C-alpha atoms as a PDB file:
ATOM      1  CA  UNK A   1      33.967 -25.616 -29.699  1.00  0.00           C
ATOM      2  CA  UNK A   2      30.933 -27.592 -30.776  1.00  0.00           C
ATOM      3  CA  UNK A   3      27.415 -26.195 -30.435  1.00  0.00           C
ATOM      4  CA  UNK A   4      25.559 -28.525 -28.071  1.00  0.00           C
ATOM      5  CA  UNK A   5      22.198 -27.353 -29.460  1.00  0.00           C
ATOM      6  CA  UNK A   6      22.949 -29.187 -32.703  1.00  0.00           C
ATOM      7  CA  UNK A   7      24.187 -32.385 -31.073  1.00  0.00           C
ATOM      8  CA  UNK A   8      22.037 -35.510 -31.396  1.00  0.00           C
ATOM      9  CA  UNK A   9      21.686 -35.696 -27.603  1.00  0.00           C
ATOM     10  CA  UNK A  10      20.217 -32.171 -27.405  1.00  0.00           C
ATOM     11  CA  UNK A  11      17.852 -32.868 -30.256  1.00  0.00           C
ATOM     12  CA  UNK A  12      16.681 -36.060 -28.679  1.00  0.00           C
ATOM     13  CA  UNK A  13      16.097 -34.241 -25.388  1.00  0.00           C
ATOM     14  CA  UNK A  14      13.512 -31.977 -27.012  1.00  0.00           C
ATOM     15  CA  UNK A  15      10.570 -34.293 -26.618  1.00  0.00           C
ATOM     16  CA  UNK A  16       6.969 -33.470 -27.351  1.00  0.00           C
ATOM     17  CA  UNK A  17       6.374 -32.046 -23.875  1.00  0.00           C
ATOM     18  CA  UNK A  18       9.241 -29.560 -24.098  1.00  0.00           C
ATOM     19  CA  UNK A  19       8.154 -28.479 -27.557  1.00  0.00           C
ATOM     20  CA  UNK A  20       4.676 -27.850 -26.176  1.00  0.00           C
ATOM     21  CA  UNK A  21       6.141 -25.721 -23.347  1.00  0.00           C
ATOM     22  CA  UNK A  22       8.156 -23.675 -25.820  1.00  0.00           C
ATOM     23  CA  UNK A  23       5.037 -23.169 -27.879  1.00  0.00           C
ATOM     24  CA  UNK A  24       3.166 -21.888 -24.778  1.00  0.00           C
ATOM     25  CA  UNK A  25       5.919 -19.285 -24.277  1.00  0.00           C
ATOM     26  CA  UNK A  26       5.567 -18.172 -27.864  1.00  0.00           C
ATOM     27  CA  UNK A  27       8.854 -19.710 -29.057  1.00  0.00           C
ATOM     28  CA  UNK A  28       8.694 -21.378 -32.448  1.00  0.00           C
ATOM     29  CA  UNK A  29      10.800 -24.505 -32.858  1.00  0.00           C
ATOM     30  CA  UNK A  30      12.004 -24.890 -36.392  1.00  0.00           C
ATOM     31  CA  UNK A  31      13.072 -28.282 -37.783  1.00  0.00           C
ATOM     32  CA  UNK A  32      14.786 -28.326 -41.200  1.00  0.00           C
ATOM     33  CA  UNK A  33      13.688 -30.762 -43.825  1.00  0.00           C
ATOM     34  CA  UNK A  34      15.939 -33.801 -44.401  1.00  0.00           C
ATOM     35  CA  UNK A  35      18.550 -33.147 -47.097  1.00  0.00           C
ATOM     36  CA  UNK A  36      17.795 -34.755 -50.492  1.00  0.00           C
ATOM     37  CA  UNK A  37      19.771 -37.905 -51.268  1.00  0.00           C
ATOM     38  CA  UNK A  38      22.083 -37.586 -54.312  1.00  0.00           C
ATOM     39  CA  UNK A  39      20.955 -39.527 -57.386  1.00  0.00           C
ATOM     40  CA  UNK A  40      22.763 -42.832 -58.004  1.00  0.00           C
ATOM     41  CA  UNK A  41      25.409 -42.710 -60.756  1.00  0.00           C
ATOM     42  CA  UNK A  42      24.760 -44.624 -63.948  1.00  0.00           C
ATOM     43  CA  UNK A  43      27.646 -46.945 -63.227  1.00  0.00           C
ATOM     44  CA  UNK A  44      28.063 -48.075 -59.632  1.00  0.00           C
ATOM     45  CA  UNK A  45      31.624 -47.838 -58.388  1.00  0.00           C
ATOM     46  CA  UNK A  46      33.549 -50.949 -57.579  1.00  0.00           C
ATOM     47  CA  UNK A  47      33.480 -50.137 -53.862  1.00  0.00           C
ATOM     48  CA  UNK A  48      30.313 -48.107 -53.127  1.00  0.00           C
ATOM     49  CA  UNK A  49      30.426 -45.675 -50.185  1.00  0.00           C
ATOM     50  CA  UNK A  50      28.249 -46.475 -47.171  1.00  0.00           C
ATOM     51  CA  UNK A  51      24.914 -44.725 -47.237  1.00  0.00           C
ATOM     52  CA  UNK A  52      24.876 -41.220 -45.648  1.00  0.00           C
ATOM     53  CA  UNK A  53      23.152 -41.065 -42.259  1.00  0.00           C
ATOM     54  CA  UNK A  54      19.812 -39.369 -42.084  1.00  0.00           C
ATOM     55  CA  UNK A  55      19.921 -35.696 -41.090  1.00  0.00           C
ATOM     56  CA  UNK A  56      18.789 -35.445 -37.468  1.00  0.00           C
ATOM     57  CA  UNK A  57      15.743 -33.344 -36.611  1.00  0.00           C
ATOM     58  CA  UNK A  58      17.791 -30.411 -35.345  1.00  0.00           C
ATOM     59  CA  UNK A  59      15.939 -27.977 -32.983  1.00  0.00           C
ATOM     60  CA  UNK A  60      16.499 -24.313 -33.793  1.00  0.00           C
ATOM     61  CA  UNK A  61      14.903 -22.059 -31.256  1.00  0.00           C
ATOM     62  CA  UNK A  62      13.992 -18.903 -33.084  1.00  0.00           C
ATOM     63  CA  UNK A  63      12.769 -15.934 -31.010  1.00  0.00           C
ATOM     64  CA  UNK A  64       9.550 -14.338 -32.057  1.00  0.00           C
ATOM     65  CA  UNK A  65      10.190 -11.309 -34.216  1.00  0.00           C
ATOM     66  CA  UNK A  66       9.084  -8.053 -32.599  1.00  0.00           C
ATOM     67  CA  UNK A  67       5.953  -6.452 -33.945  1.00  0.00           C
ATOM     68  CA  UNK A  68       6.646  -3.498 -36.255  1.00  0.00           C
ATOM     69  CA  UNK A  69       5.969  -0.108 -34.680  1.00  0.00           C
ATOM     70  CA  UNK A  70       2.547   1.272 -35.277  1.00  0.00           C
ATOM     71  CA  UNK A  71       2.608   4.265 -37.575  1.00  0.00           C
ATOM     72  CA  UNK A  72      -0.018   6.861 -36.835  1.00  0.00           C
ATOM     73  CA  UNK A  73      -0.652   9.162 -39.785  1.00  0.00           C
ATOM     74  CA  UNK A  74      -0.429  12.843 -39.002  1.00  0.00           C
ATOM     75  CA  UNK A  75      -3.214  14.941 -40.403  1.00  0.00           C
ATOM     76  CA  UNK A  76      -2.013  17.807 -42.537  1.00  0.00           C
ATOM     77  CA  UNK A  77      -3.000  21.352 -41.629  1.00  0.00           C
ATOM     78  CA  UNK A  78      -4.625  20.118 -38.464  1.00  0.00           C
ATOM     79  CA  UNK A  79      -3.378  23.119 -36.528  1.00  0.00           C
ATOM     80  CA  UNK A  80      -1.384  23.096 -33.293  1.00  0.00           C
ATOM     81  CA  UNK A  81      -1.882  20.314 -30.776  1.00  0.00           C
ATOM     82  CA  UNK A  82      -4.341  21.158 -28.008  1.00  0.00           C
ATOM     83  CA  UNK A  83      -2.784  22.352 -24.782  1.00  0.00           C
ATOM     84  CA  UNK A  84      -2.805  19.924 -21.874  1.00  0.00           C
ATOM     85  CA  UNK A  85      -4.948  21.236 -19.048  1.00  0.00           C
ATOM     86  CA  UNK A  86      -3.005  21.556 -15.756  1.00  0.00           C
ATOM     87  CA  UNK A  87      -3.942  19.178 -12.966  1.00  0.00           C
ATOM     88  CA  UNK A  88      -6.217  20.956 -10.523  1.00  0.00           C
ATOM     89  CA  UNK A  89      -4.905  21.424  -7.000  1.00  0.00           C
ATOM     90  CA  UNK A  90      -6.555  19.659  -4.103  1.00  0.00           C
ATOM     91  CA  UNK A  91      -8.301  22.880  -3.161  1.00  0.00           C
ATOM     92  CA  UNK A  92      -9.309  25.636  -5.611  1.00  0.00           C
ATOM     93  CA  UNK A  93      -7.653  28.971  -5.138  1.00  0.00           C
ATOM     94  CA  UNK A  94      -9.835  31.640  -3.625  1.00  0.00           C
ATOM     95  CA  UNK A  95     -10.612  34.606  -5.842  1.00  0.00           C
ATOM     96  CA  UNK A  96      -9.977  38.151  -4.705  1.00  0.00           C
ATOM     97  CA  UNK A  97     -13.724  38.681  -4.310  1.00  0.00           C
ATOM     98  CA  UNK A  98     -13.942  35.753  -1.897  1.00  0.00           C
ATOM     99  CA  UNK A  99     -11.037  36.938   0.257  1.00  0.00           C
ATOM    100  CA  UNK A 100     -11.002  39.840   2.652  1.00  0.00           C
ATOM    101  CA  UNK A 101      -8.413  41.865   4.487  1.00  0.00           C
ATOM    102  CA  UNK A 102      -7.206  40.468   7.798  1.00  0.00           C
ATOM    103  CA  UNK A 103      -9.121  42.044  10.700  1.00  0.00           C
ATOM    104  CA  UNK A 104      -7.626  45.336  11.791  1.00  0.00           C
ATOM    105  CA  UNK A 105      -6.360  46.090  15.262  1.00  0.00           C
ATOM    106  CA  UNK A 106      -5.057  42.588  16.024  1.00  0.00           C
ATOM    107  CA  UNK A 107      -2.342  44.075  18.223  1.00  0.00           C
ATOM    108  CA  UNK A 108      -5.041  45.531  20.549  1.00  0.00           C
ATOM    109  CA  UNK A 109      -7.325  42.480  20.850  1.00  0.00           C
ATOM    110  CA  UNK A 110      -7.971  40.496  24.002  1.00  0.00           C
ATOM    111  CA  UNK A 111      -8.233  36.701  24.029  1.00  0.00           C
ATOM    112  CA  UNK A 112     -11.910  36.574  23.089  1.00  0.00           C
ATOM    113  CA  UNK A 113     -11.565  39.102  20.278  1.00  0.00           C
ATOM    114  CA  UNK A 114      -8.458  37.370  18.957  1.00  0.00           C
ATOM    115  CA  UNK A 115     -10.141  33.963  18.905  1.00  0.00           C
ATOM    116  CA  UNK A 116     -13.142  35.399  17.052  1.00  0.00           C
ATOM    117  CA  UNK A 117     -10.864  37.158  14.551  1.00  0.00           C
ATOM    118  CA  UNK A 118      -9.069  33.895  13.783  1.00  0.00           C
ATOM    119  CA  UNK A 119     -12.358  31.997  13.430  1.00  0.00           C
ATOM    120  CA  UNK A 120     -13.664  34.491  10.879  1.00  0.00           C
ATOM    121  CA  UNK A 121     -10.406  35.170   9.030  1.00  0.00           C
ATOM    122  CA  UNK A 122     -10.566  34.954   5.221  1.00  0.00           C
ATOM    123  CA  UNK A 123      -7.286  36.681   4.421  1.00  0.00           C
ATOM    124  CA  UNK A 124      -5.846  33.776   2.378  1.00  0.00           C
ATOM    125  CA  UNK A 125      -7.071  30.826   0.337  1.00  0.00           C
ATOM    126  CA  UNK A 126      -6.851  28.370   3.229  1.00  0.00           C
ATOM    127  CA  UNK A 127     -10.253  29.591   4.403  1.00  0.00           C
ATOM    128  CA  UNK A 128     -11.907  27.713   1.533  1.00  0.00           C
ATOM    129  CA  UNK A 129     -10.656  24.245   2.408  1.00  0.00           C
ATOM    130  CA  UNK A 130     -10.712  24.317   6.208  1.00  0.00           C
ATOM    131  CA  UNK A 131     -13.306  22.706   8.438  1.00  0.00           C
ATOM    132  CA  UNK A 132     -12.197  24.485  11.604  1.00  0.00           C
ATOM    133  CA  UNK A 133      -9.653  27.087  12.511  1.00  0.00           C
ATOM    134  CA  UNK A 134      -7.109  25.925  15.090  1.00  0.00           C
ATOM    135  CA  UNK A 135      -6.511  28.768  17.510  1.00  0.00           C
ATOM    136  CA  UNK A 136      -4.621  27.048  20.320  1.00  0.00           C
ATOM    137  CA  UNK A 137      -5.128  25.106  23.532  1.00  0.00           C
ATOM    138  CA  UNK A 138      -3.952  25.480  27.107  1.00  0.00           C
ATOM    139  CA  UNK A 139      -4.142  27.749  30.116  1.00  0.00           C
ATOM    140  CA  UNK A 140      -3.269  31.389  29.549  1.00  0.00           C
ATOM    141  CA  UNK A 141      -1.218  31.296  32.766  1.00  0.00           C
ATOM    142  CA  UNK A 142       1.139  28.614  31.349  1.00  0.00           C
ATOM    143  CA  UNK A 143       4.726  29.877  31.238  1.00  0.00           C
ATOM    144  CA  UNK A 144       5.763  27.739  28.236  1.00  0.00           C
ATOM    145  CA  UNK A 145       4.480  28.303  24.703  1.00  0.00           C
ATOM    146  CA  UNK A 146       4.858  25.413  22.250  1.00  0.00           C
ATOM    147  CA  UNK A 147       4.685  26.553  18.611  1.00  0.00           C
ATOM    148  CA  UNK A 148       4.134  24.014  15.846  1.00  0.00           C
ATOM    149  CA  UNK A 149       3.831  24.426  12.100  1.00  0.00           C
ATOM    150  CA  UNK A 150       0.287  23.959  10.773  1.00  0.00           C
ATOM    151  CA  UNK A 151      -2.833  21.924  11.538  1.00  0.00           C
ATOM    152  CA  UNK A 152      -3.195  18.486   9.962  1.00  0.00           C
ATOM    153  CA  UNK A 153      -6.289  16.495   9.108  1.00  0.00           C
ATOM    154  CA  UNK A 154      -7.114  15.546  12.704  1.00  0.00           C
ATOM    155  CA  UNK A 155      -6.460  19.074  13.955  1.00  0.00           C
ATOM    156  CA  UNK A 156      -8.687  20.528  11.243  1.00  0.00           C
ATOM    157  CA  UNK A 157     -11.465  18.120  12.214  1.00  0.00           C
ATOM    158  CA  UNK A 158     -11.261  18.737  15.959  1.00  0.00           C
ATOM    159  CA  UNK A 159     -10.161  22.379  15.999  1.00  0.00           C
ATOM    160  CA  UNK A 160      -7.292  21.656  18.416  1.00  0.00           C
ATOM    161  CA  UNK A 161      -3.530  21.597  17.762  1.00  0.00           C
ATOM    162  CA  UNK A 162      -1.353  18.498  18.077  1.00  0.00           C
ATOM    163  CA  UNK A 163      -3.840  15.638  18.185  1.00  0.00           C
ATOM    164  CA  UNK A 164      -3.319  12.141  16.838  1.00  0.00           C
ATOM    165  CA  UNK A 165      -0.018  10.277  17.093  1.00  0.00           C
ATOM    166  CA  UNK A 166       2.139  13.438  16.987  1.00  0.00           C
ATOM    167  CA  UNK A 167       0.031  15.013  19.711  1.00  0.00           C
ATOM    168  CA  UNK A 168       0.327  11.943  21.914  1.00  0.00           C
ATOM    169  CA  UNK A 169       4.105  12.050  21.582  1.00  0.00           C
ATOM    170  CA  UNK A 170       4.117  15.762  22.446  1.00  0.00           C
ATOM    171  CA  UNK A 171       2.022  15.069  25.557  1.00  0.00           C
ATOM    172  CA  UNK A 172       4.550  12.423  26.652  1.00  0.00           C
ATOM    173  CA  UNK A 173       7.431  14.827  26.054  1.00  0.00           C
ATOM    174  CA  UNK A 174       5.762  17.503  28.166  1.00  0.00           C
ATOM    175  CA  UNK A 175       4.895  15.000  30.874  1.00  0.00           C
ATOM    176  CA  UNK A 176       8.559  14.001  31.049  1.00  0.00           C
ATOM    177  CA  UNK A 177       9.410  17.554  32.142  1.00  0.00           C
ATOM    178  CA  UNK A 178       6.411  17.916  34.476  1.00  0.00           C
ATOM    179  CA  UNK A 179       4.115  19.833  32.166  1.00  0.00           C
ATOM    180  CA  UNK A 180       0.859  19.357  30.263  1.00  0.00           C
ATOM    181  CA  UNK A 181      -1.363  21.238  27.845  1.00  0.00           C
ATOM    182  CA  UNK A 182      -3.925  21.753  30.600  1.00  0.00           C
ATOM    183  CA  UNK A 183      -1.526  22.663  33.414  1.00  0.00           C
ATOM    184  CA  UNK A 184      -1.129  26.123  34.867  1.00  0.00           C
ATOM    185  CA  UNK A 185       1.948  28.185  35.541  1.00  0.00           C
ATOM    186  CA  UNK A 186       5.104  26.110  35.823  1.00  0.00           C
ATOM    187  CA  UNK A 187       3.114  22.940  35.092  1.00  0.00           C
ATOM    188  CA  UNK A 188       1.498  24.250  31.919  1.00  0.00           C
ATOM    189  CA  UNK A 189       2.342  24.628  28.243  1.00  0.00           C
ATOM    190  CA  UNK A 190       0.105  26.563  25.871  1.00  0.00           C
ATOM    191  CA  UNK A 191       0.155  25.020  22.368  1.00  0.00           C
ATOM    192  CA  UNK A 192      -0.363  26.914  19.108  1.00  0.00           C
ATOM    193  CA  UNK A 193       0.639  26.759  15.447  1.00  0.00           C
ATOM    194  CA  UNK A 194       2.139  29.216  12.992  1.00  0.00           C
ATOM    195  CA  UNK A 195      -0.849  28.648  10.688  1.00  0.00           C
ATOM    196  CA  UNK A 196      -4.358  28.588  12.073  1.00  0.00           C
ATOM    197  CA  UNK A 197      -5.838  26.705   9.090  1.00  0.00           C
ATOM    198  CA  UNK A 198      -4.849  23.387   7.543  1.00  0.00           C
ATOM    199  CA  UNK A 199      -3.062  23.548   4.169  1.00  0.00           C
ATOM    200  CA  UNK A 200      -4.766  21.244   1.629  1.00  0.00           C
ATOM    201  CA  UNK A 201      -3.437  17.659   1.681  1.00  0.00           C
ATOM    202  CA  UNK A 202      -1.068  18.686   4.511  1.00  0.00           C
ATOM    203  CA  UNK A 203       1.278  20.431   2.097  1.00  0.00           C
ATOM    204  CA  UNK A 204       3.950  22.791   3.390  1.00  0.00           C
ATOM    205  CA  UNK A 205       2.856  26.279   4.461  1.00  0.00           C
ATOM    206  CA  UNK A 206       3.437  28.952   1.859  1.00  0.00           C
ATOM    207  CA  UNK A 207       5.212  32.238   2.705  1.00  0.00           C
ATOM    208  CA  UNK A 208       2.172  34.435   2.073  1.00  0.00           C
ATOM    209  CA  UNK A 209       0.045  32.215   4.319  1.00  0.00           C
ATOM    210  CA  UNK A 210       2.584  32.446   7.130  1.00  0.00           C
ATOM    211  CA  UNK A 211       2.717  36.224   6.679  1.00  0.00           C
ATOM    212  CA  UNK A 212      -1.074  36.522   6.980  1.00  0.00           C
ATOM    213  CA  UNK A 213      -1.138  34.473  10.184  1.00  0.00           C
ATOM    214  CA  UNK A 214       1.914  36.034  11.835  1.00  0.00           C
ATOM    215  CA  UNK A 215       0.068  38.911  13.583  1.00  0.00           C
ATOM    216  CA  UNK A 216      -2.188  36.371  15.331  1.00  0.00           C
ATOM    217  CA  UNK A 217       0.814  34.510  16.736  1.00  0.00           C
ATOM    218  CA  UNK A 218       2.518  37.768  17.750  1.00  0.00           C
ATOM    219  CA  UNK A 219      -0.580  38.768  19.703  1.00  0.00           C
ATOM    220  CA  UNK A 220      -0.776  35.350  21.364  1.00  0.00           C
ATOM    221  CA  UNK A 221       2.802  35.806  22.574  1.00  0.00           C
ATOM    222  CA  UNK A 222       1.991  39.290  23.866  1.00  0.00           C
ATOM    223  CA  UNK A 223      -1.077  38.078  25.760  1.00  0.00           C
ATOM    224  CA  UNK A 224       0.577  34.940  27.147  1.00  0.00           C
ATOM    225  CA  UNK A 225       3.889  36.586  28.092  1.00  0.00           C
ATOM    226  CA  UNK A 226       5.523  33.145  28.286  1.00  0.00           C
ATOM    227  CA  UNK A 227       8.849  32.569  29.966  1.00  0.00           C
ATOM    228  CA  UNK A 228       9.961  30.365  27.061  1.00  0.00           C
ATOM    229  CA  UNK A 229       8.938  29.382  23.528  1.00  0.00           C
ATOM    230  CA  UNK A 230       9.582  25.856  22.271  1.00  0.00           C
ATOM    231  CA  UNK A 231       9.750  26.007  18.442  1.00  0.00           C
ATOM    232  CA  UNK A 232       8.958  22.610  16.926  1.00  0.00           C
ATOM    233  CA  UNK A 233       9.692  22.026  13.254  1.00  0.00           C
ATOM    234  CA  UNK A 234      11.225  23.833  10.321  1.00  0.00           C
ATOM    235  CA  UNK A 235       8.389  26.251   9.549  1.00  0.00           C
ATOM    236  CA  UNK A 236       7.916  27.229  13.180  1.00  0.00           C
ATOM    237  CA  UNK A 237      11.621  28.068  13.302  1.00  0.00           C
ATOM    238  CA  UNK A 238      11.433  30.032  10.060  1.00  0.00           C
ATOM    239  CA  UNK A 239       8.502  32.084  11.323  1.00  0.00           C
ATOM    240  CA  UNK A 240       9.865  32.798  14.790  1.00  0.00           C
ATOM    241  CA  UNK A 241      13.540  33.295  13.987  1.00  0.00           C
ATOM    242  CA  UNK A 242      13.298  34.460  10.368  1.00  0.00           C
ATOM    243  CA  UNK A 243      15.970  31.910   9.489  1.00  0.00           C
ATOM    244  CA  UNK A 244      16.309  29.184   6.860  1.00  0.00           C
ATOM    245  CA  UNK A 245      19.113  27.432   8.758  1.00  0.00           C
ATOM    246  CA  UNK A 246      18.524  23.701   9.356  1.00  0.00           C
ATOM    247  CA  UNK A 247      17.231  22.737  12.783  1.00  0.00           C
ATOM    248  CA  UNK A 248      20.406  20.781  13.441  1.00  0.00           C
ATOM    249  CA  UNK A 249      22.434  24.004  13.288  1.00  0.00           C
ATOM    250  CA  UNK A 250      20.032  26.005  15.473  1.00  0.00           C
ATOM    251  CA  UNK A 251      19.649  23.483  18.273  1.00  0.00           C
ATOM    252  CA  UNK A 252      21.642  23.647  21.490  1.00  0.00           C
ATOM    253  CA  UNK A 253      21.502  27.388  22.107  1.00  0.00           C
ATOM    254  CA  UNK A 254      19.003  30.007  23.214  1.00  0.00           C
ATOM    255  CA  UNK A 255      17.444  32.324  20.620  1.00  0.00           C
ATOM    256  CA  UNK A 256      15.057  35.275  21.069  1.00  0.00           C
ATOM    257  CA  UNK A 257      11.618  36.176  19.753  1.00  0.00           C
ATOM    258  CA  UNK A 258      10.169  39.505  20.948  1.00  0.00           C
ATOM    259  CA  UNK A 259      12.612  39.232  23.857  1.00  0.00           C
ATOM    260  CA  UNK A 260      11.306  35.759  24.820  1.00  0.00           C
ATOM    261  CA  UNK A 261      13.855  32.879  24.935  1.00  0.00           C
ATOM    262  CA  UNK A 262      13.344  30.348  22.130  1.00  0.00           C
ATOM    263  CA  UNK A 263      14.548  26.732  22.127  1.00  0.00           C
ATOM    264  CA  UNK A 264      14.577  24.952  18.766  1.00  0.00           C
ATOM    265  CA  UNK A 265      13.710  21.262  18.528  1.00  0.00           C
ATOM    266  CA  UNK A 266      12.260  18.671  16.176  1.00  0.00           C
ATOM    267  CA  UNK A 267       8.574  18.313  15.386  1.00  0.00           C
ATOM    268  CA  UNK A 268       6.930  15.247  16.995  1.00  0.00           C
ATOM    269  CA  UNK A 269       5.819  14.001  13.566  1.00  0.00           C
ATOM    270  CA  UNK A 270       9.469  13.999  12.511  1.00  0.00           C
ATOM    271  CA  UNK A 271      10.450  12.116  15.655  1.00  0.00           C
ATOM    272  CA  UNK A 272       7.866   9.446  14.888  1.00  0.00           C
ATOM    273  CA  UNK A 273       9.618   8.876  11.557  1.00  0.00           C
ATOM    274  CA  UNK A 274      13.125   9.223  13.005  1.00  0.00           C
ATOM    275  CA  UNK A 275      13.054   7.902  16.580  1.00  0.00           C
ATOM    276  CA  UNK A 276      16.860   7.950  16.723  1.00  0.00           C
ATOM    277  CA  UNK A 277      16.631  11.748  17.168  1.00  0.00           C
ATOM    278  CA  UNK A 278      14.458  11.505  20.291  1.00  0.00           C
ATOM    279  CA  UNK A 279      17.649  11.741  22.367  1.00  0.00           C
ATOM    280  CA  UNK A 280      18.389  15.102  20.773  1.00  0.00           C
ATOM    281  CA  UNK A 281      14.839  16.272  21.483  1.00  0.00           C
ATOM    282  CA  UNK A 282      15.269  15.271  25.128  1.00  0.00           C
ATOM    283  CA  UNK A 283      18.460  17.333  25.282  1.00  0.00           C
ATOM    284  CA  UNK A 284      16.464  20.286  23.895  1.00  0.00           C
ATOM    285  CA  UNK A 285      13.853  19.868  26.631  1.00  0.00           C
ATOM    286  CA  UNK A 286      16.607  19.785  29.240  1.00  0.00           C
ATOM    287  CA  UNK A 287      18.017  23.039  27.828  1.00  0.00           C
ATOM    288  CA  UNK A 288      14.529  24.571  28.038  1.00  0.00           C
ATOM    289  CA  UNK A 289      14.260  23.599  31.726  1.00  0.00           C
ATOM    290  CA  UNK A 290      17.705  25.043  32.402  1.00  0.00           C
ATOM    291  CA  UNK A 291      16.737  28.277  30.637  1.00  0.00           C
ATOM    292  CA  UNK A 292      13.647  28.785  32.799  1.00  0.00           C
ATOM    293  CA  UNK A 293      15.265  27.370  35.942  1.00  0.00           C
ATOM    294  CA  UNK A 294      12.620  24.660  36.217  1.00  0.00           C
END
């Protein structure tokens, strides 16, 4: 099979413009010199051969050779390489001197005392990065308690749970079953979180942080005496049910927390990312209404 790159037609096709384009791309076009004509013999033959045709200007596209690797000399006896400093976290860890023990007697506090204890709590490092504590919102006579995971940026700024897009979706979900965060009794739903302070950069809650906040949530349940708890999201489920089972395996049945029925469902922020599961969340709300008979 002939090589078309060496054919006269291919060579002729490489005009000045194409050579200039190849040069712009860094491709060197090499053209061999014409071969030297053999010297004439002293005595011409009786029938001289026809003259040899001129060697065409063949185009040989030669890729640019790669640059040799740069060799960096290593200094002798320079000692060990310096350690790389770890990347600082978004919020510095609180030292033991800056932290204090969680207020005592949480299990005996009334609503005012409990709110003040949460506002002044410095039992974990989240106290250093927060703007506001997020105690909860709703009427204390509401017979549903909605428990989320942790405050986000908007919640930390406003001091109220479930605001922003996730909060708007939660309000629509509650409205669909005849409830609201400001309703009373059978029309109300008190809303709280497992954590009362926002984790830096909205990272996941850590076990020790959930453990420090747990007595506050326990006391809220004792003071509210709700007829039902709606657990929204993985960390709310872990805190209330002490289970690492996926939400999909815990849905569809009634659980218990301090003898209060618990219905497991998806967090509104998750539903915003996965709207296909809104049907499942609606089924969870229907189960909650069946459980309370409303």
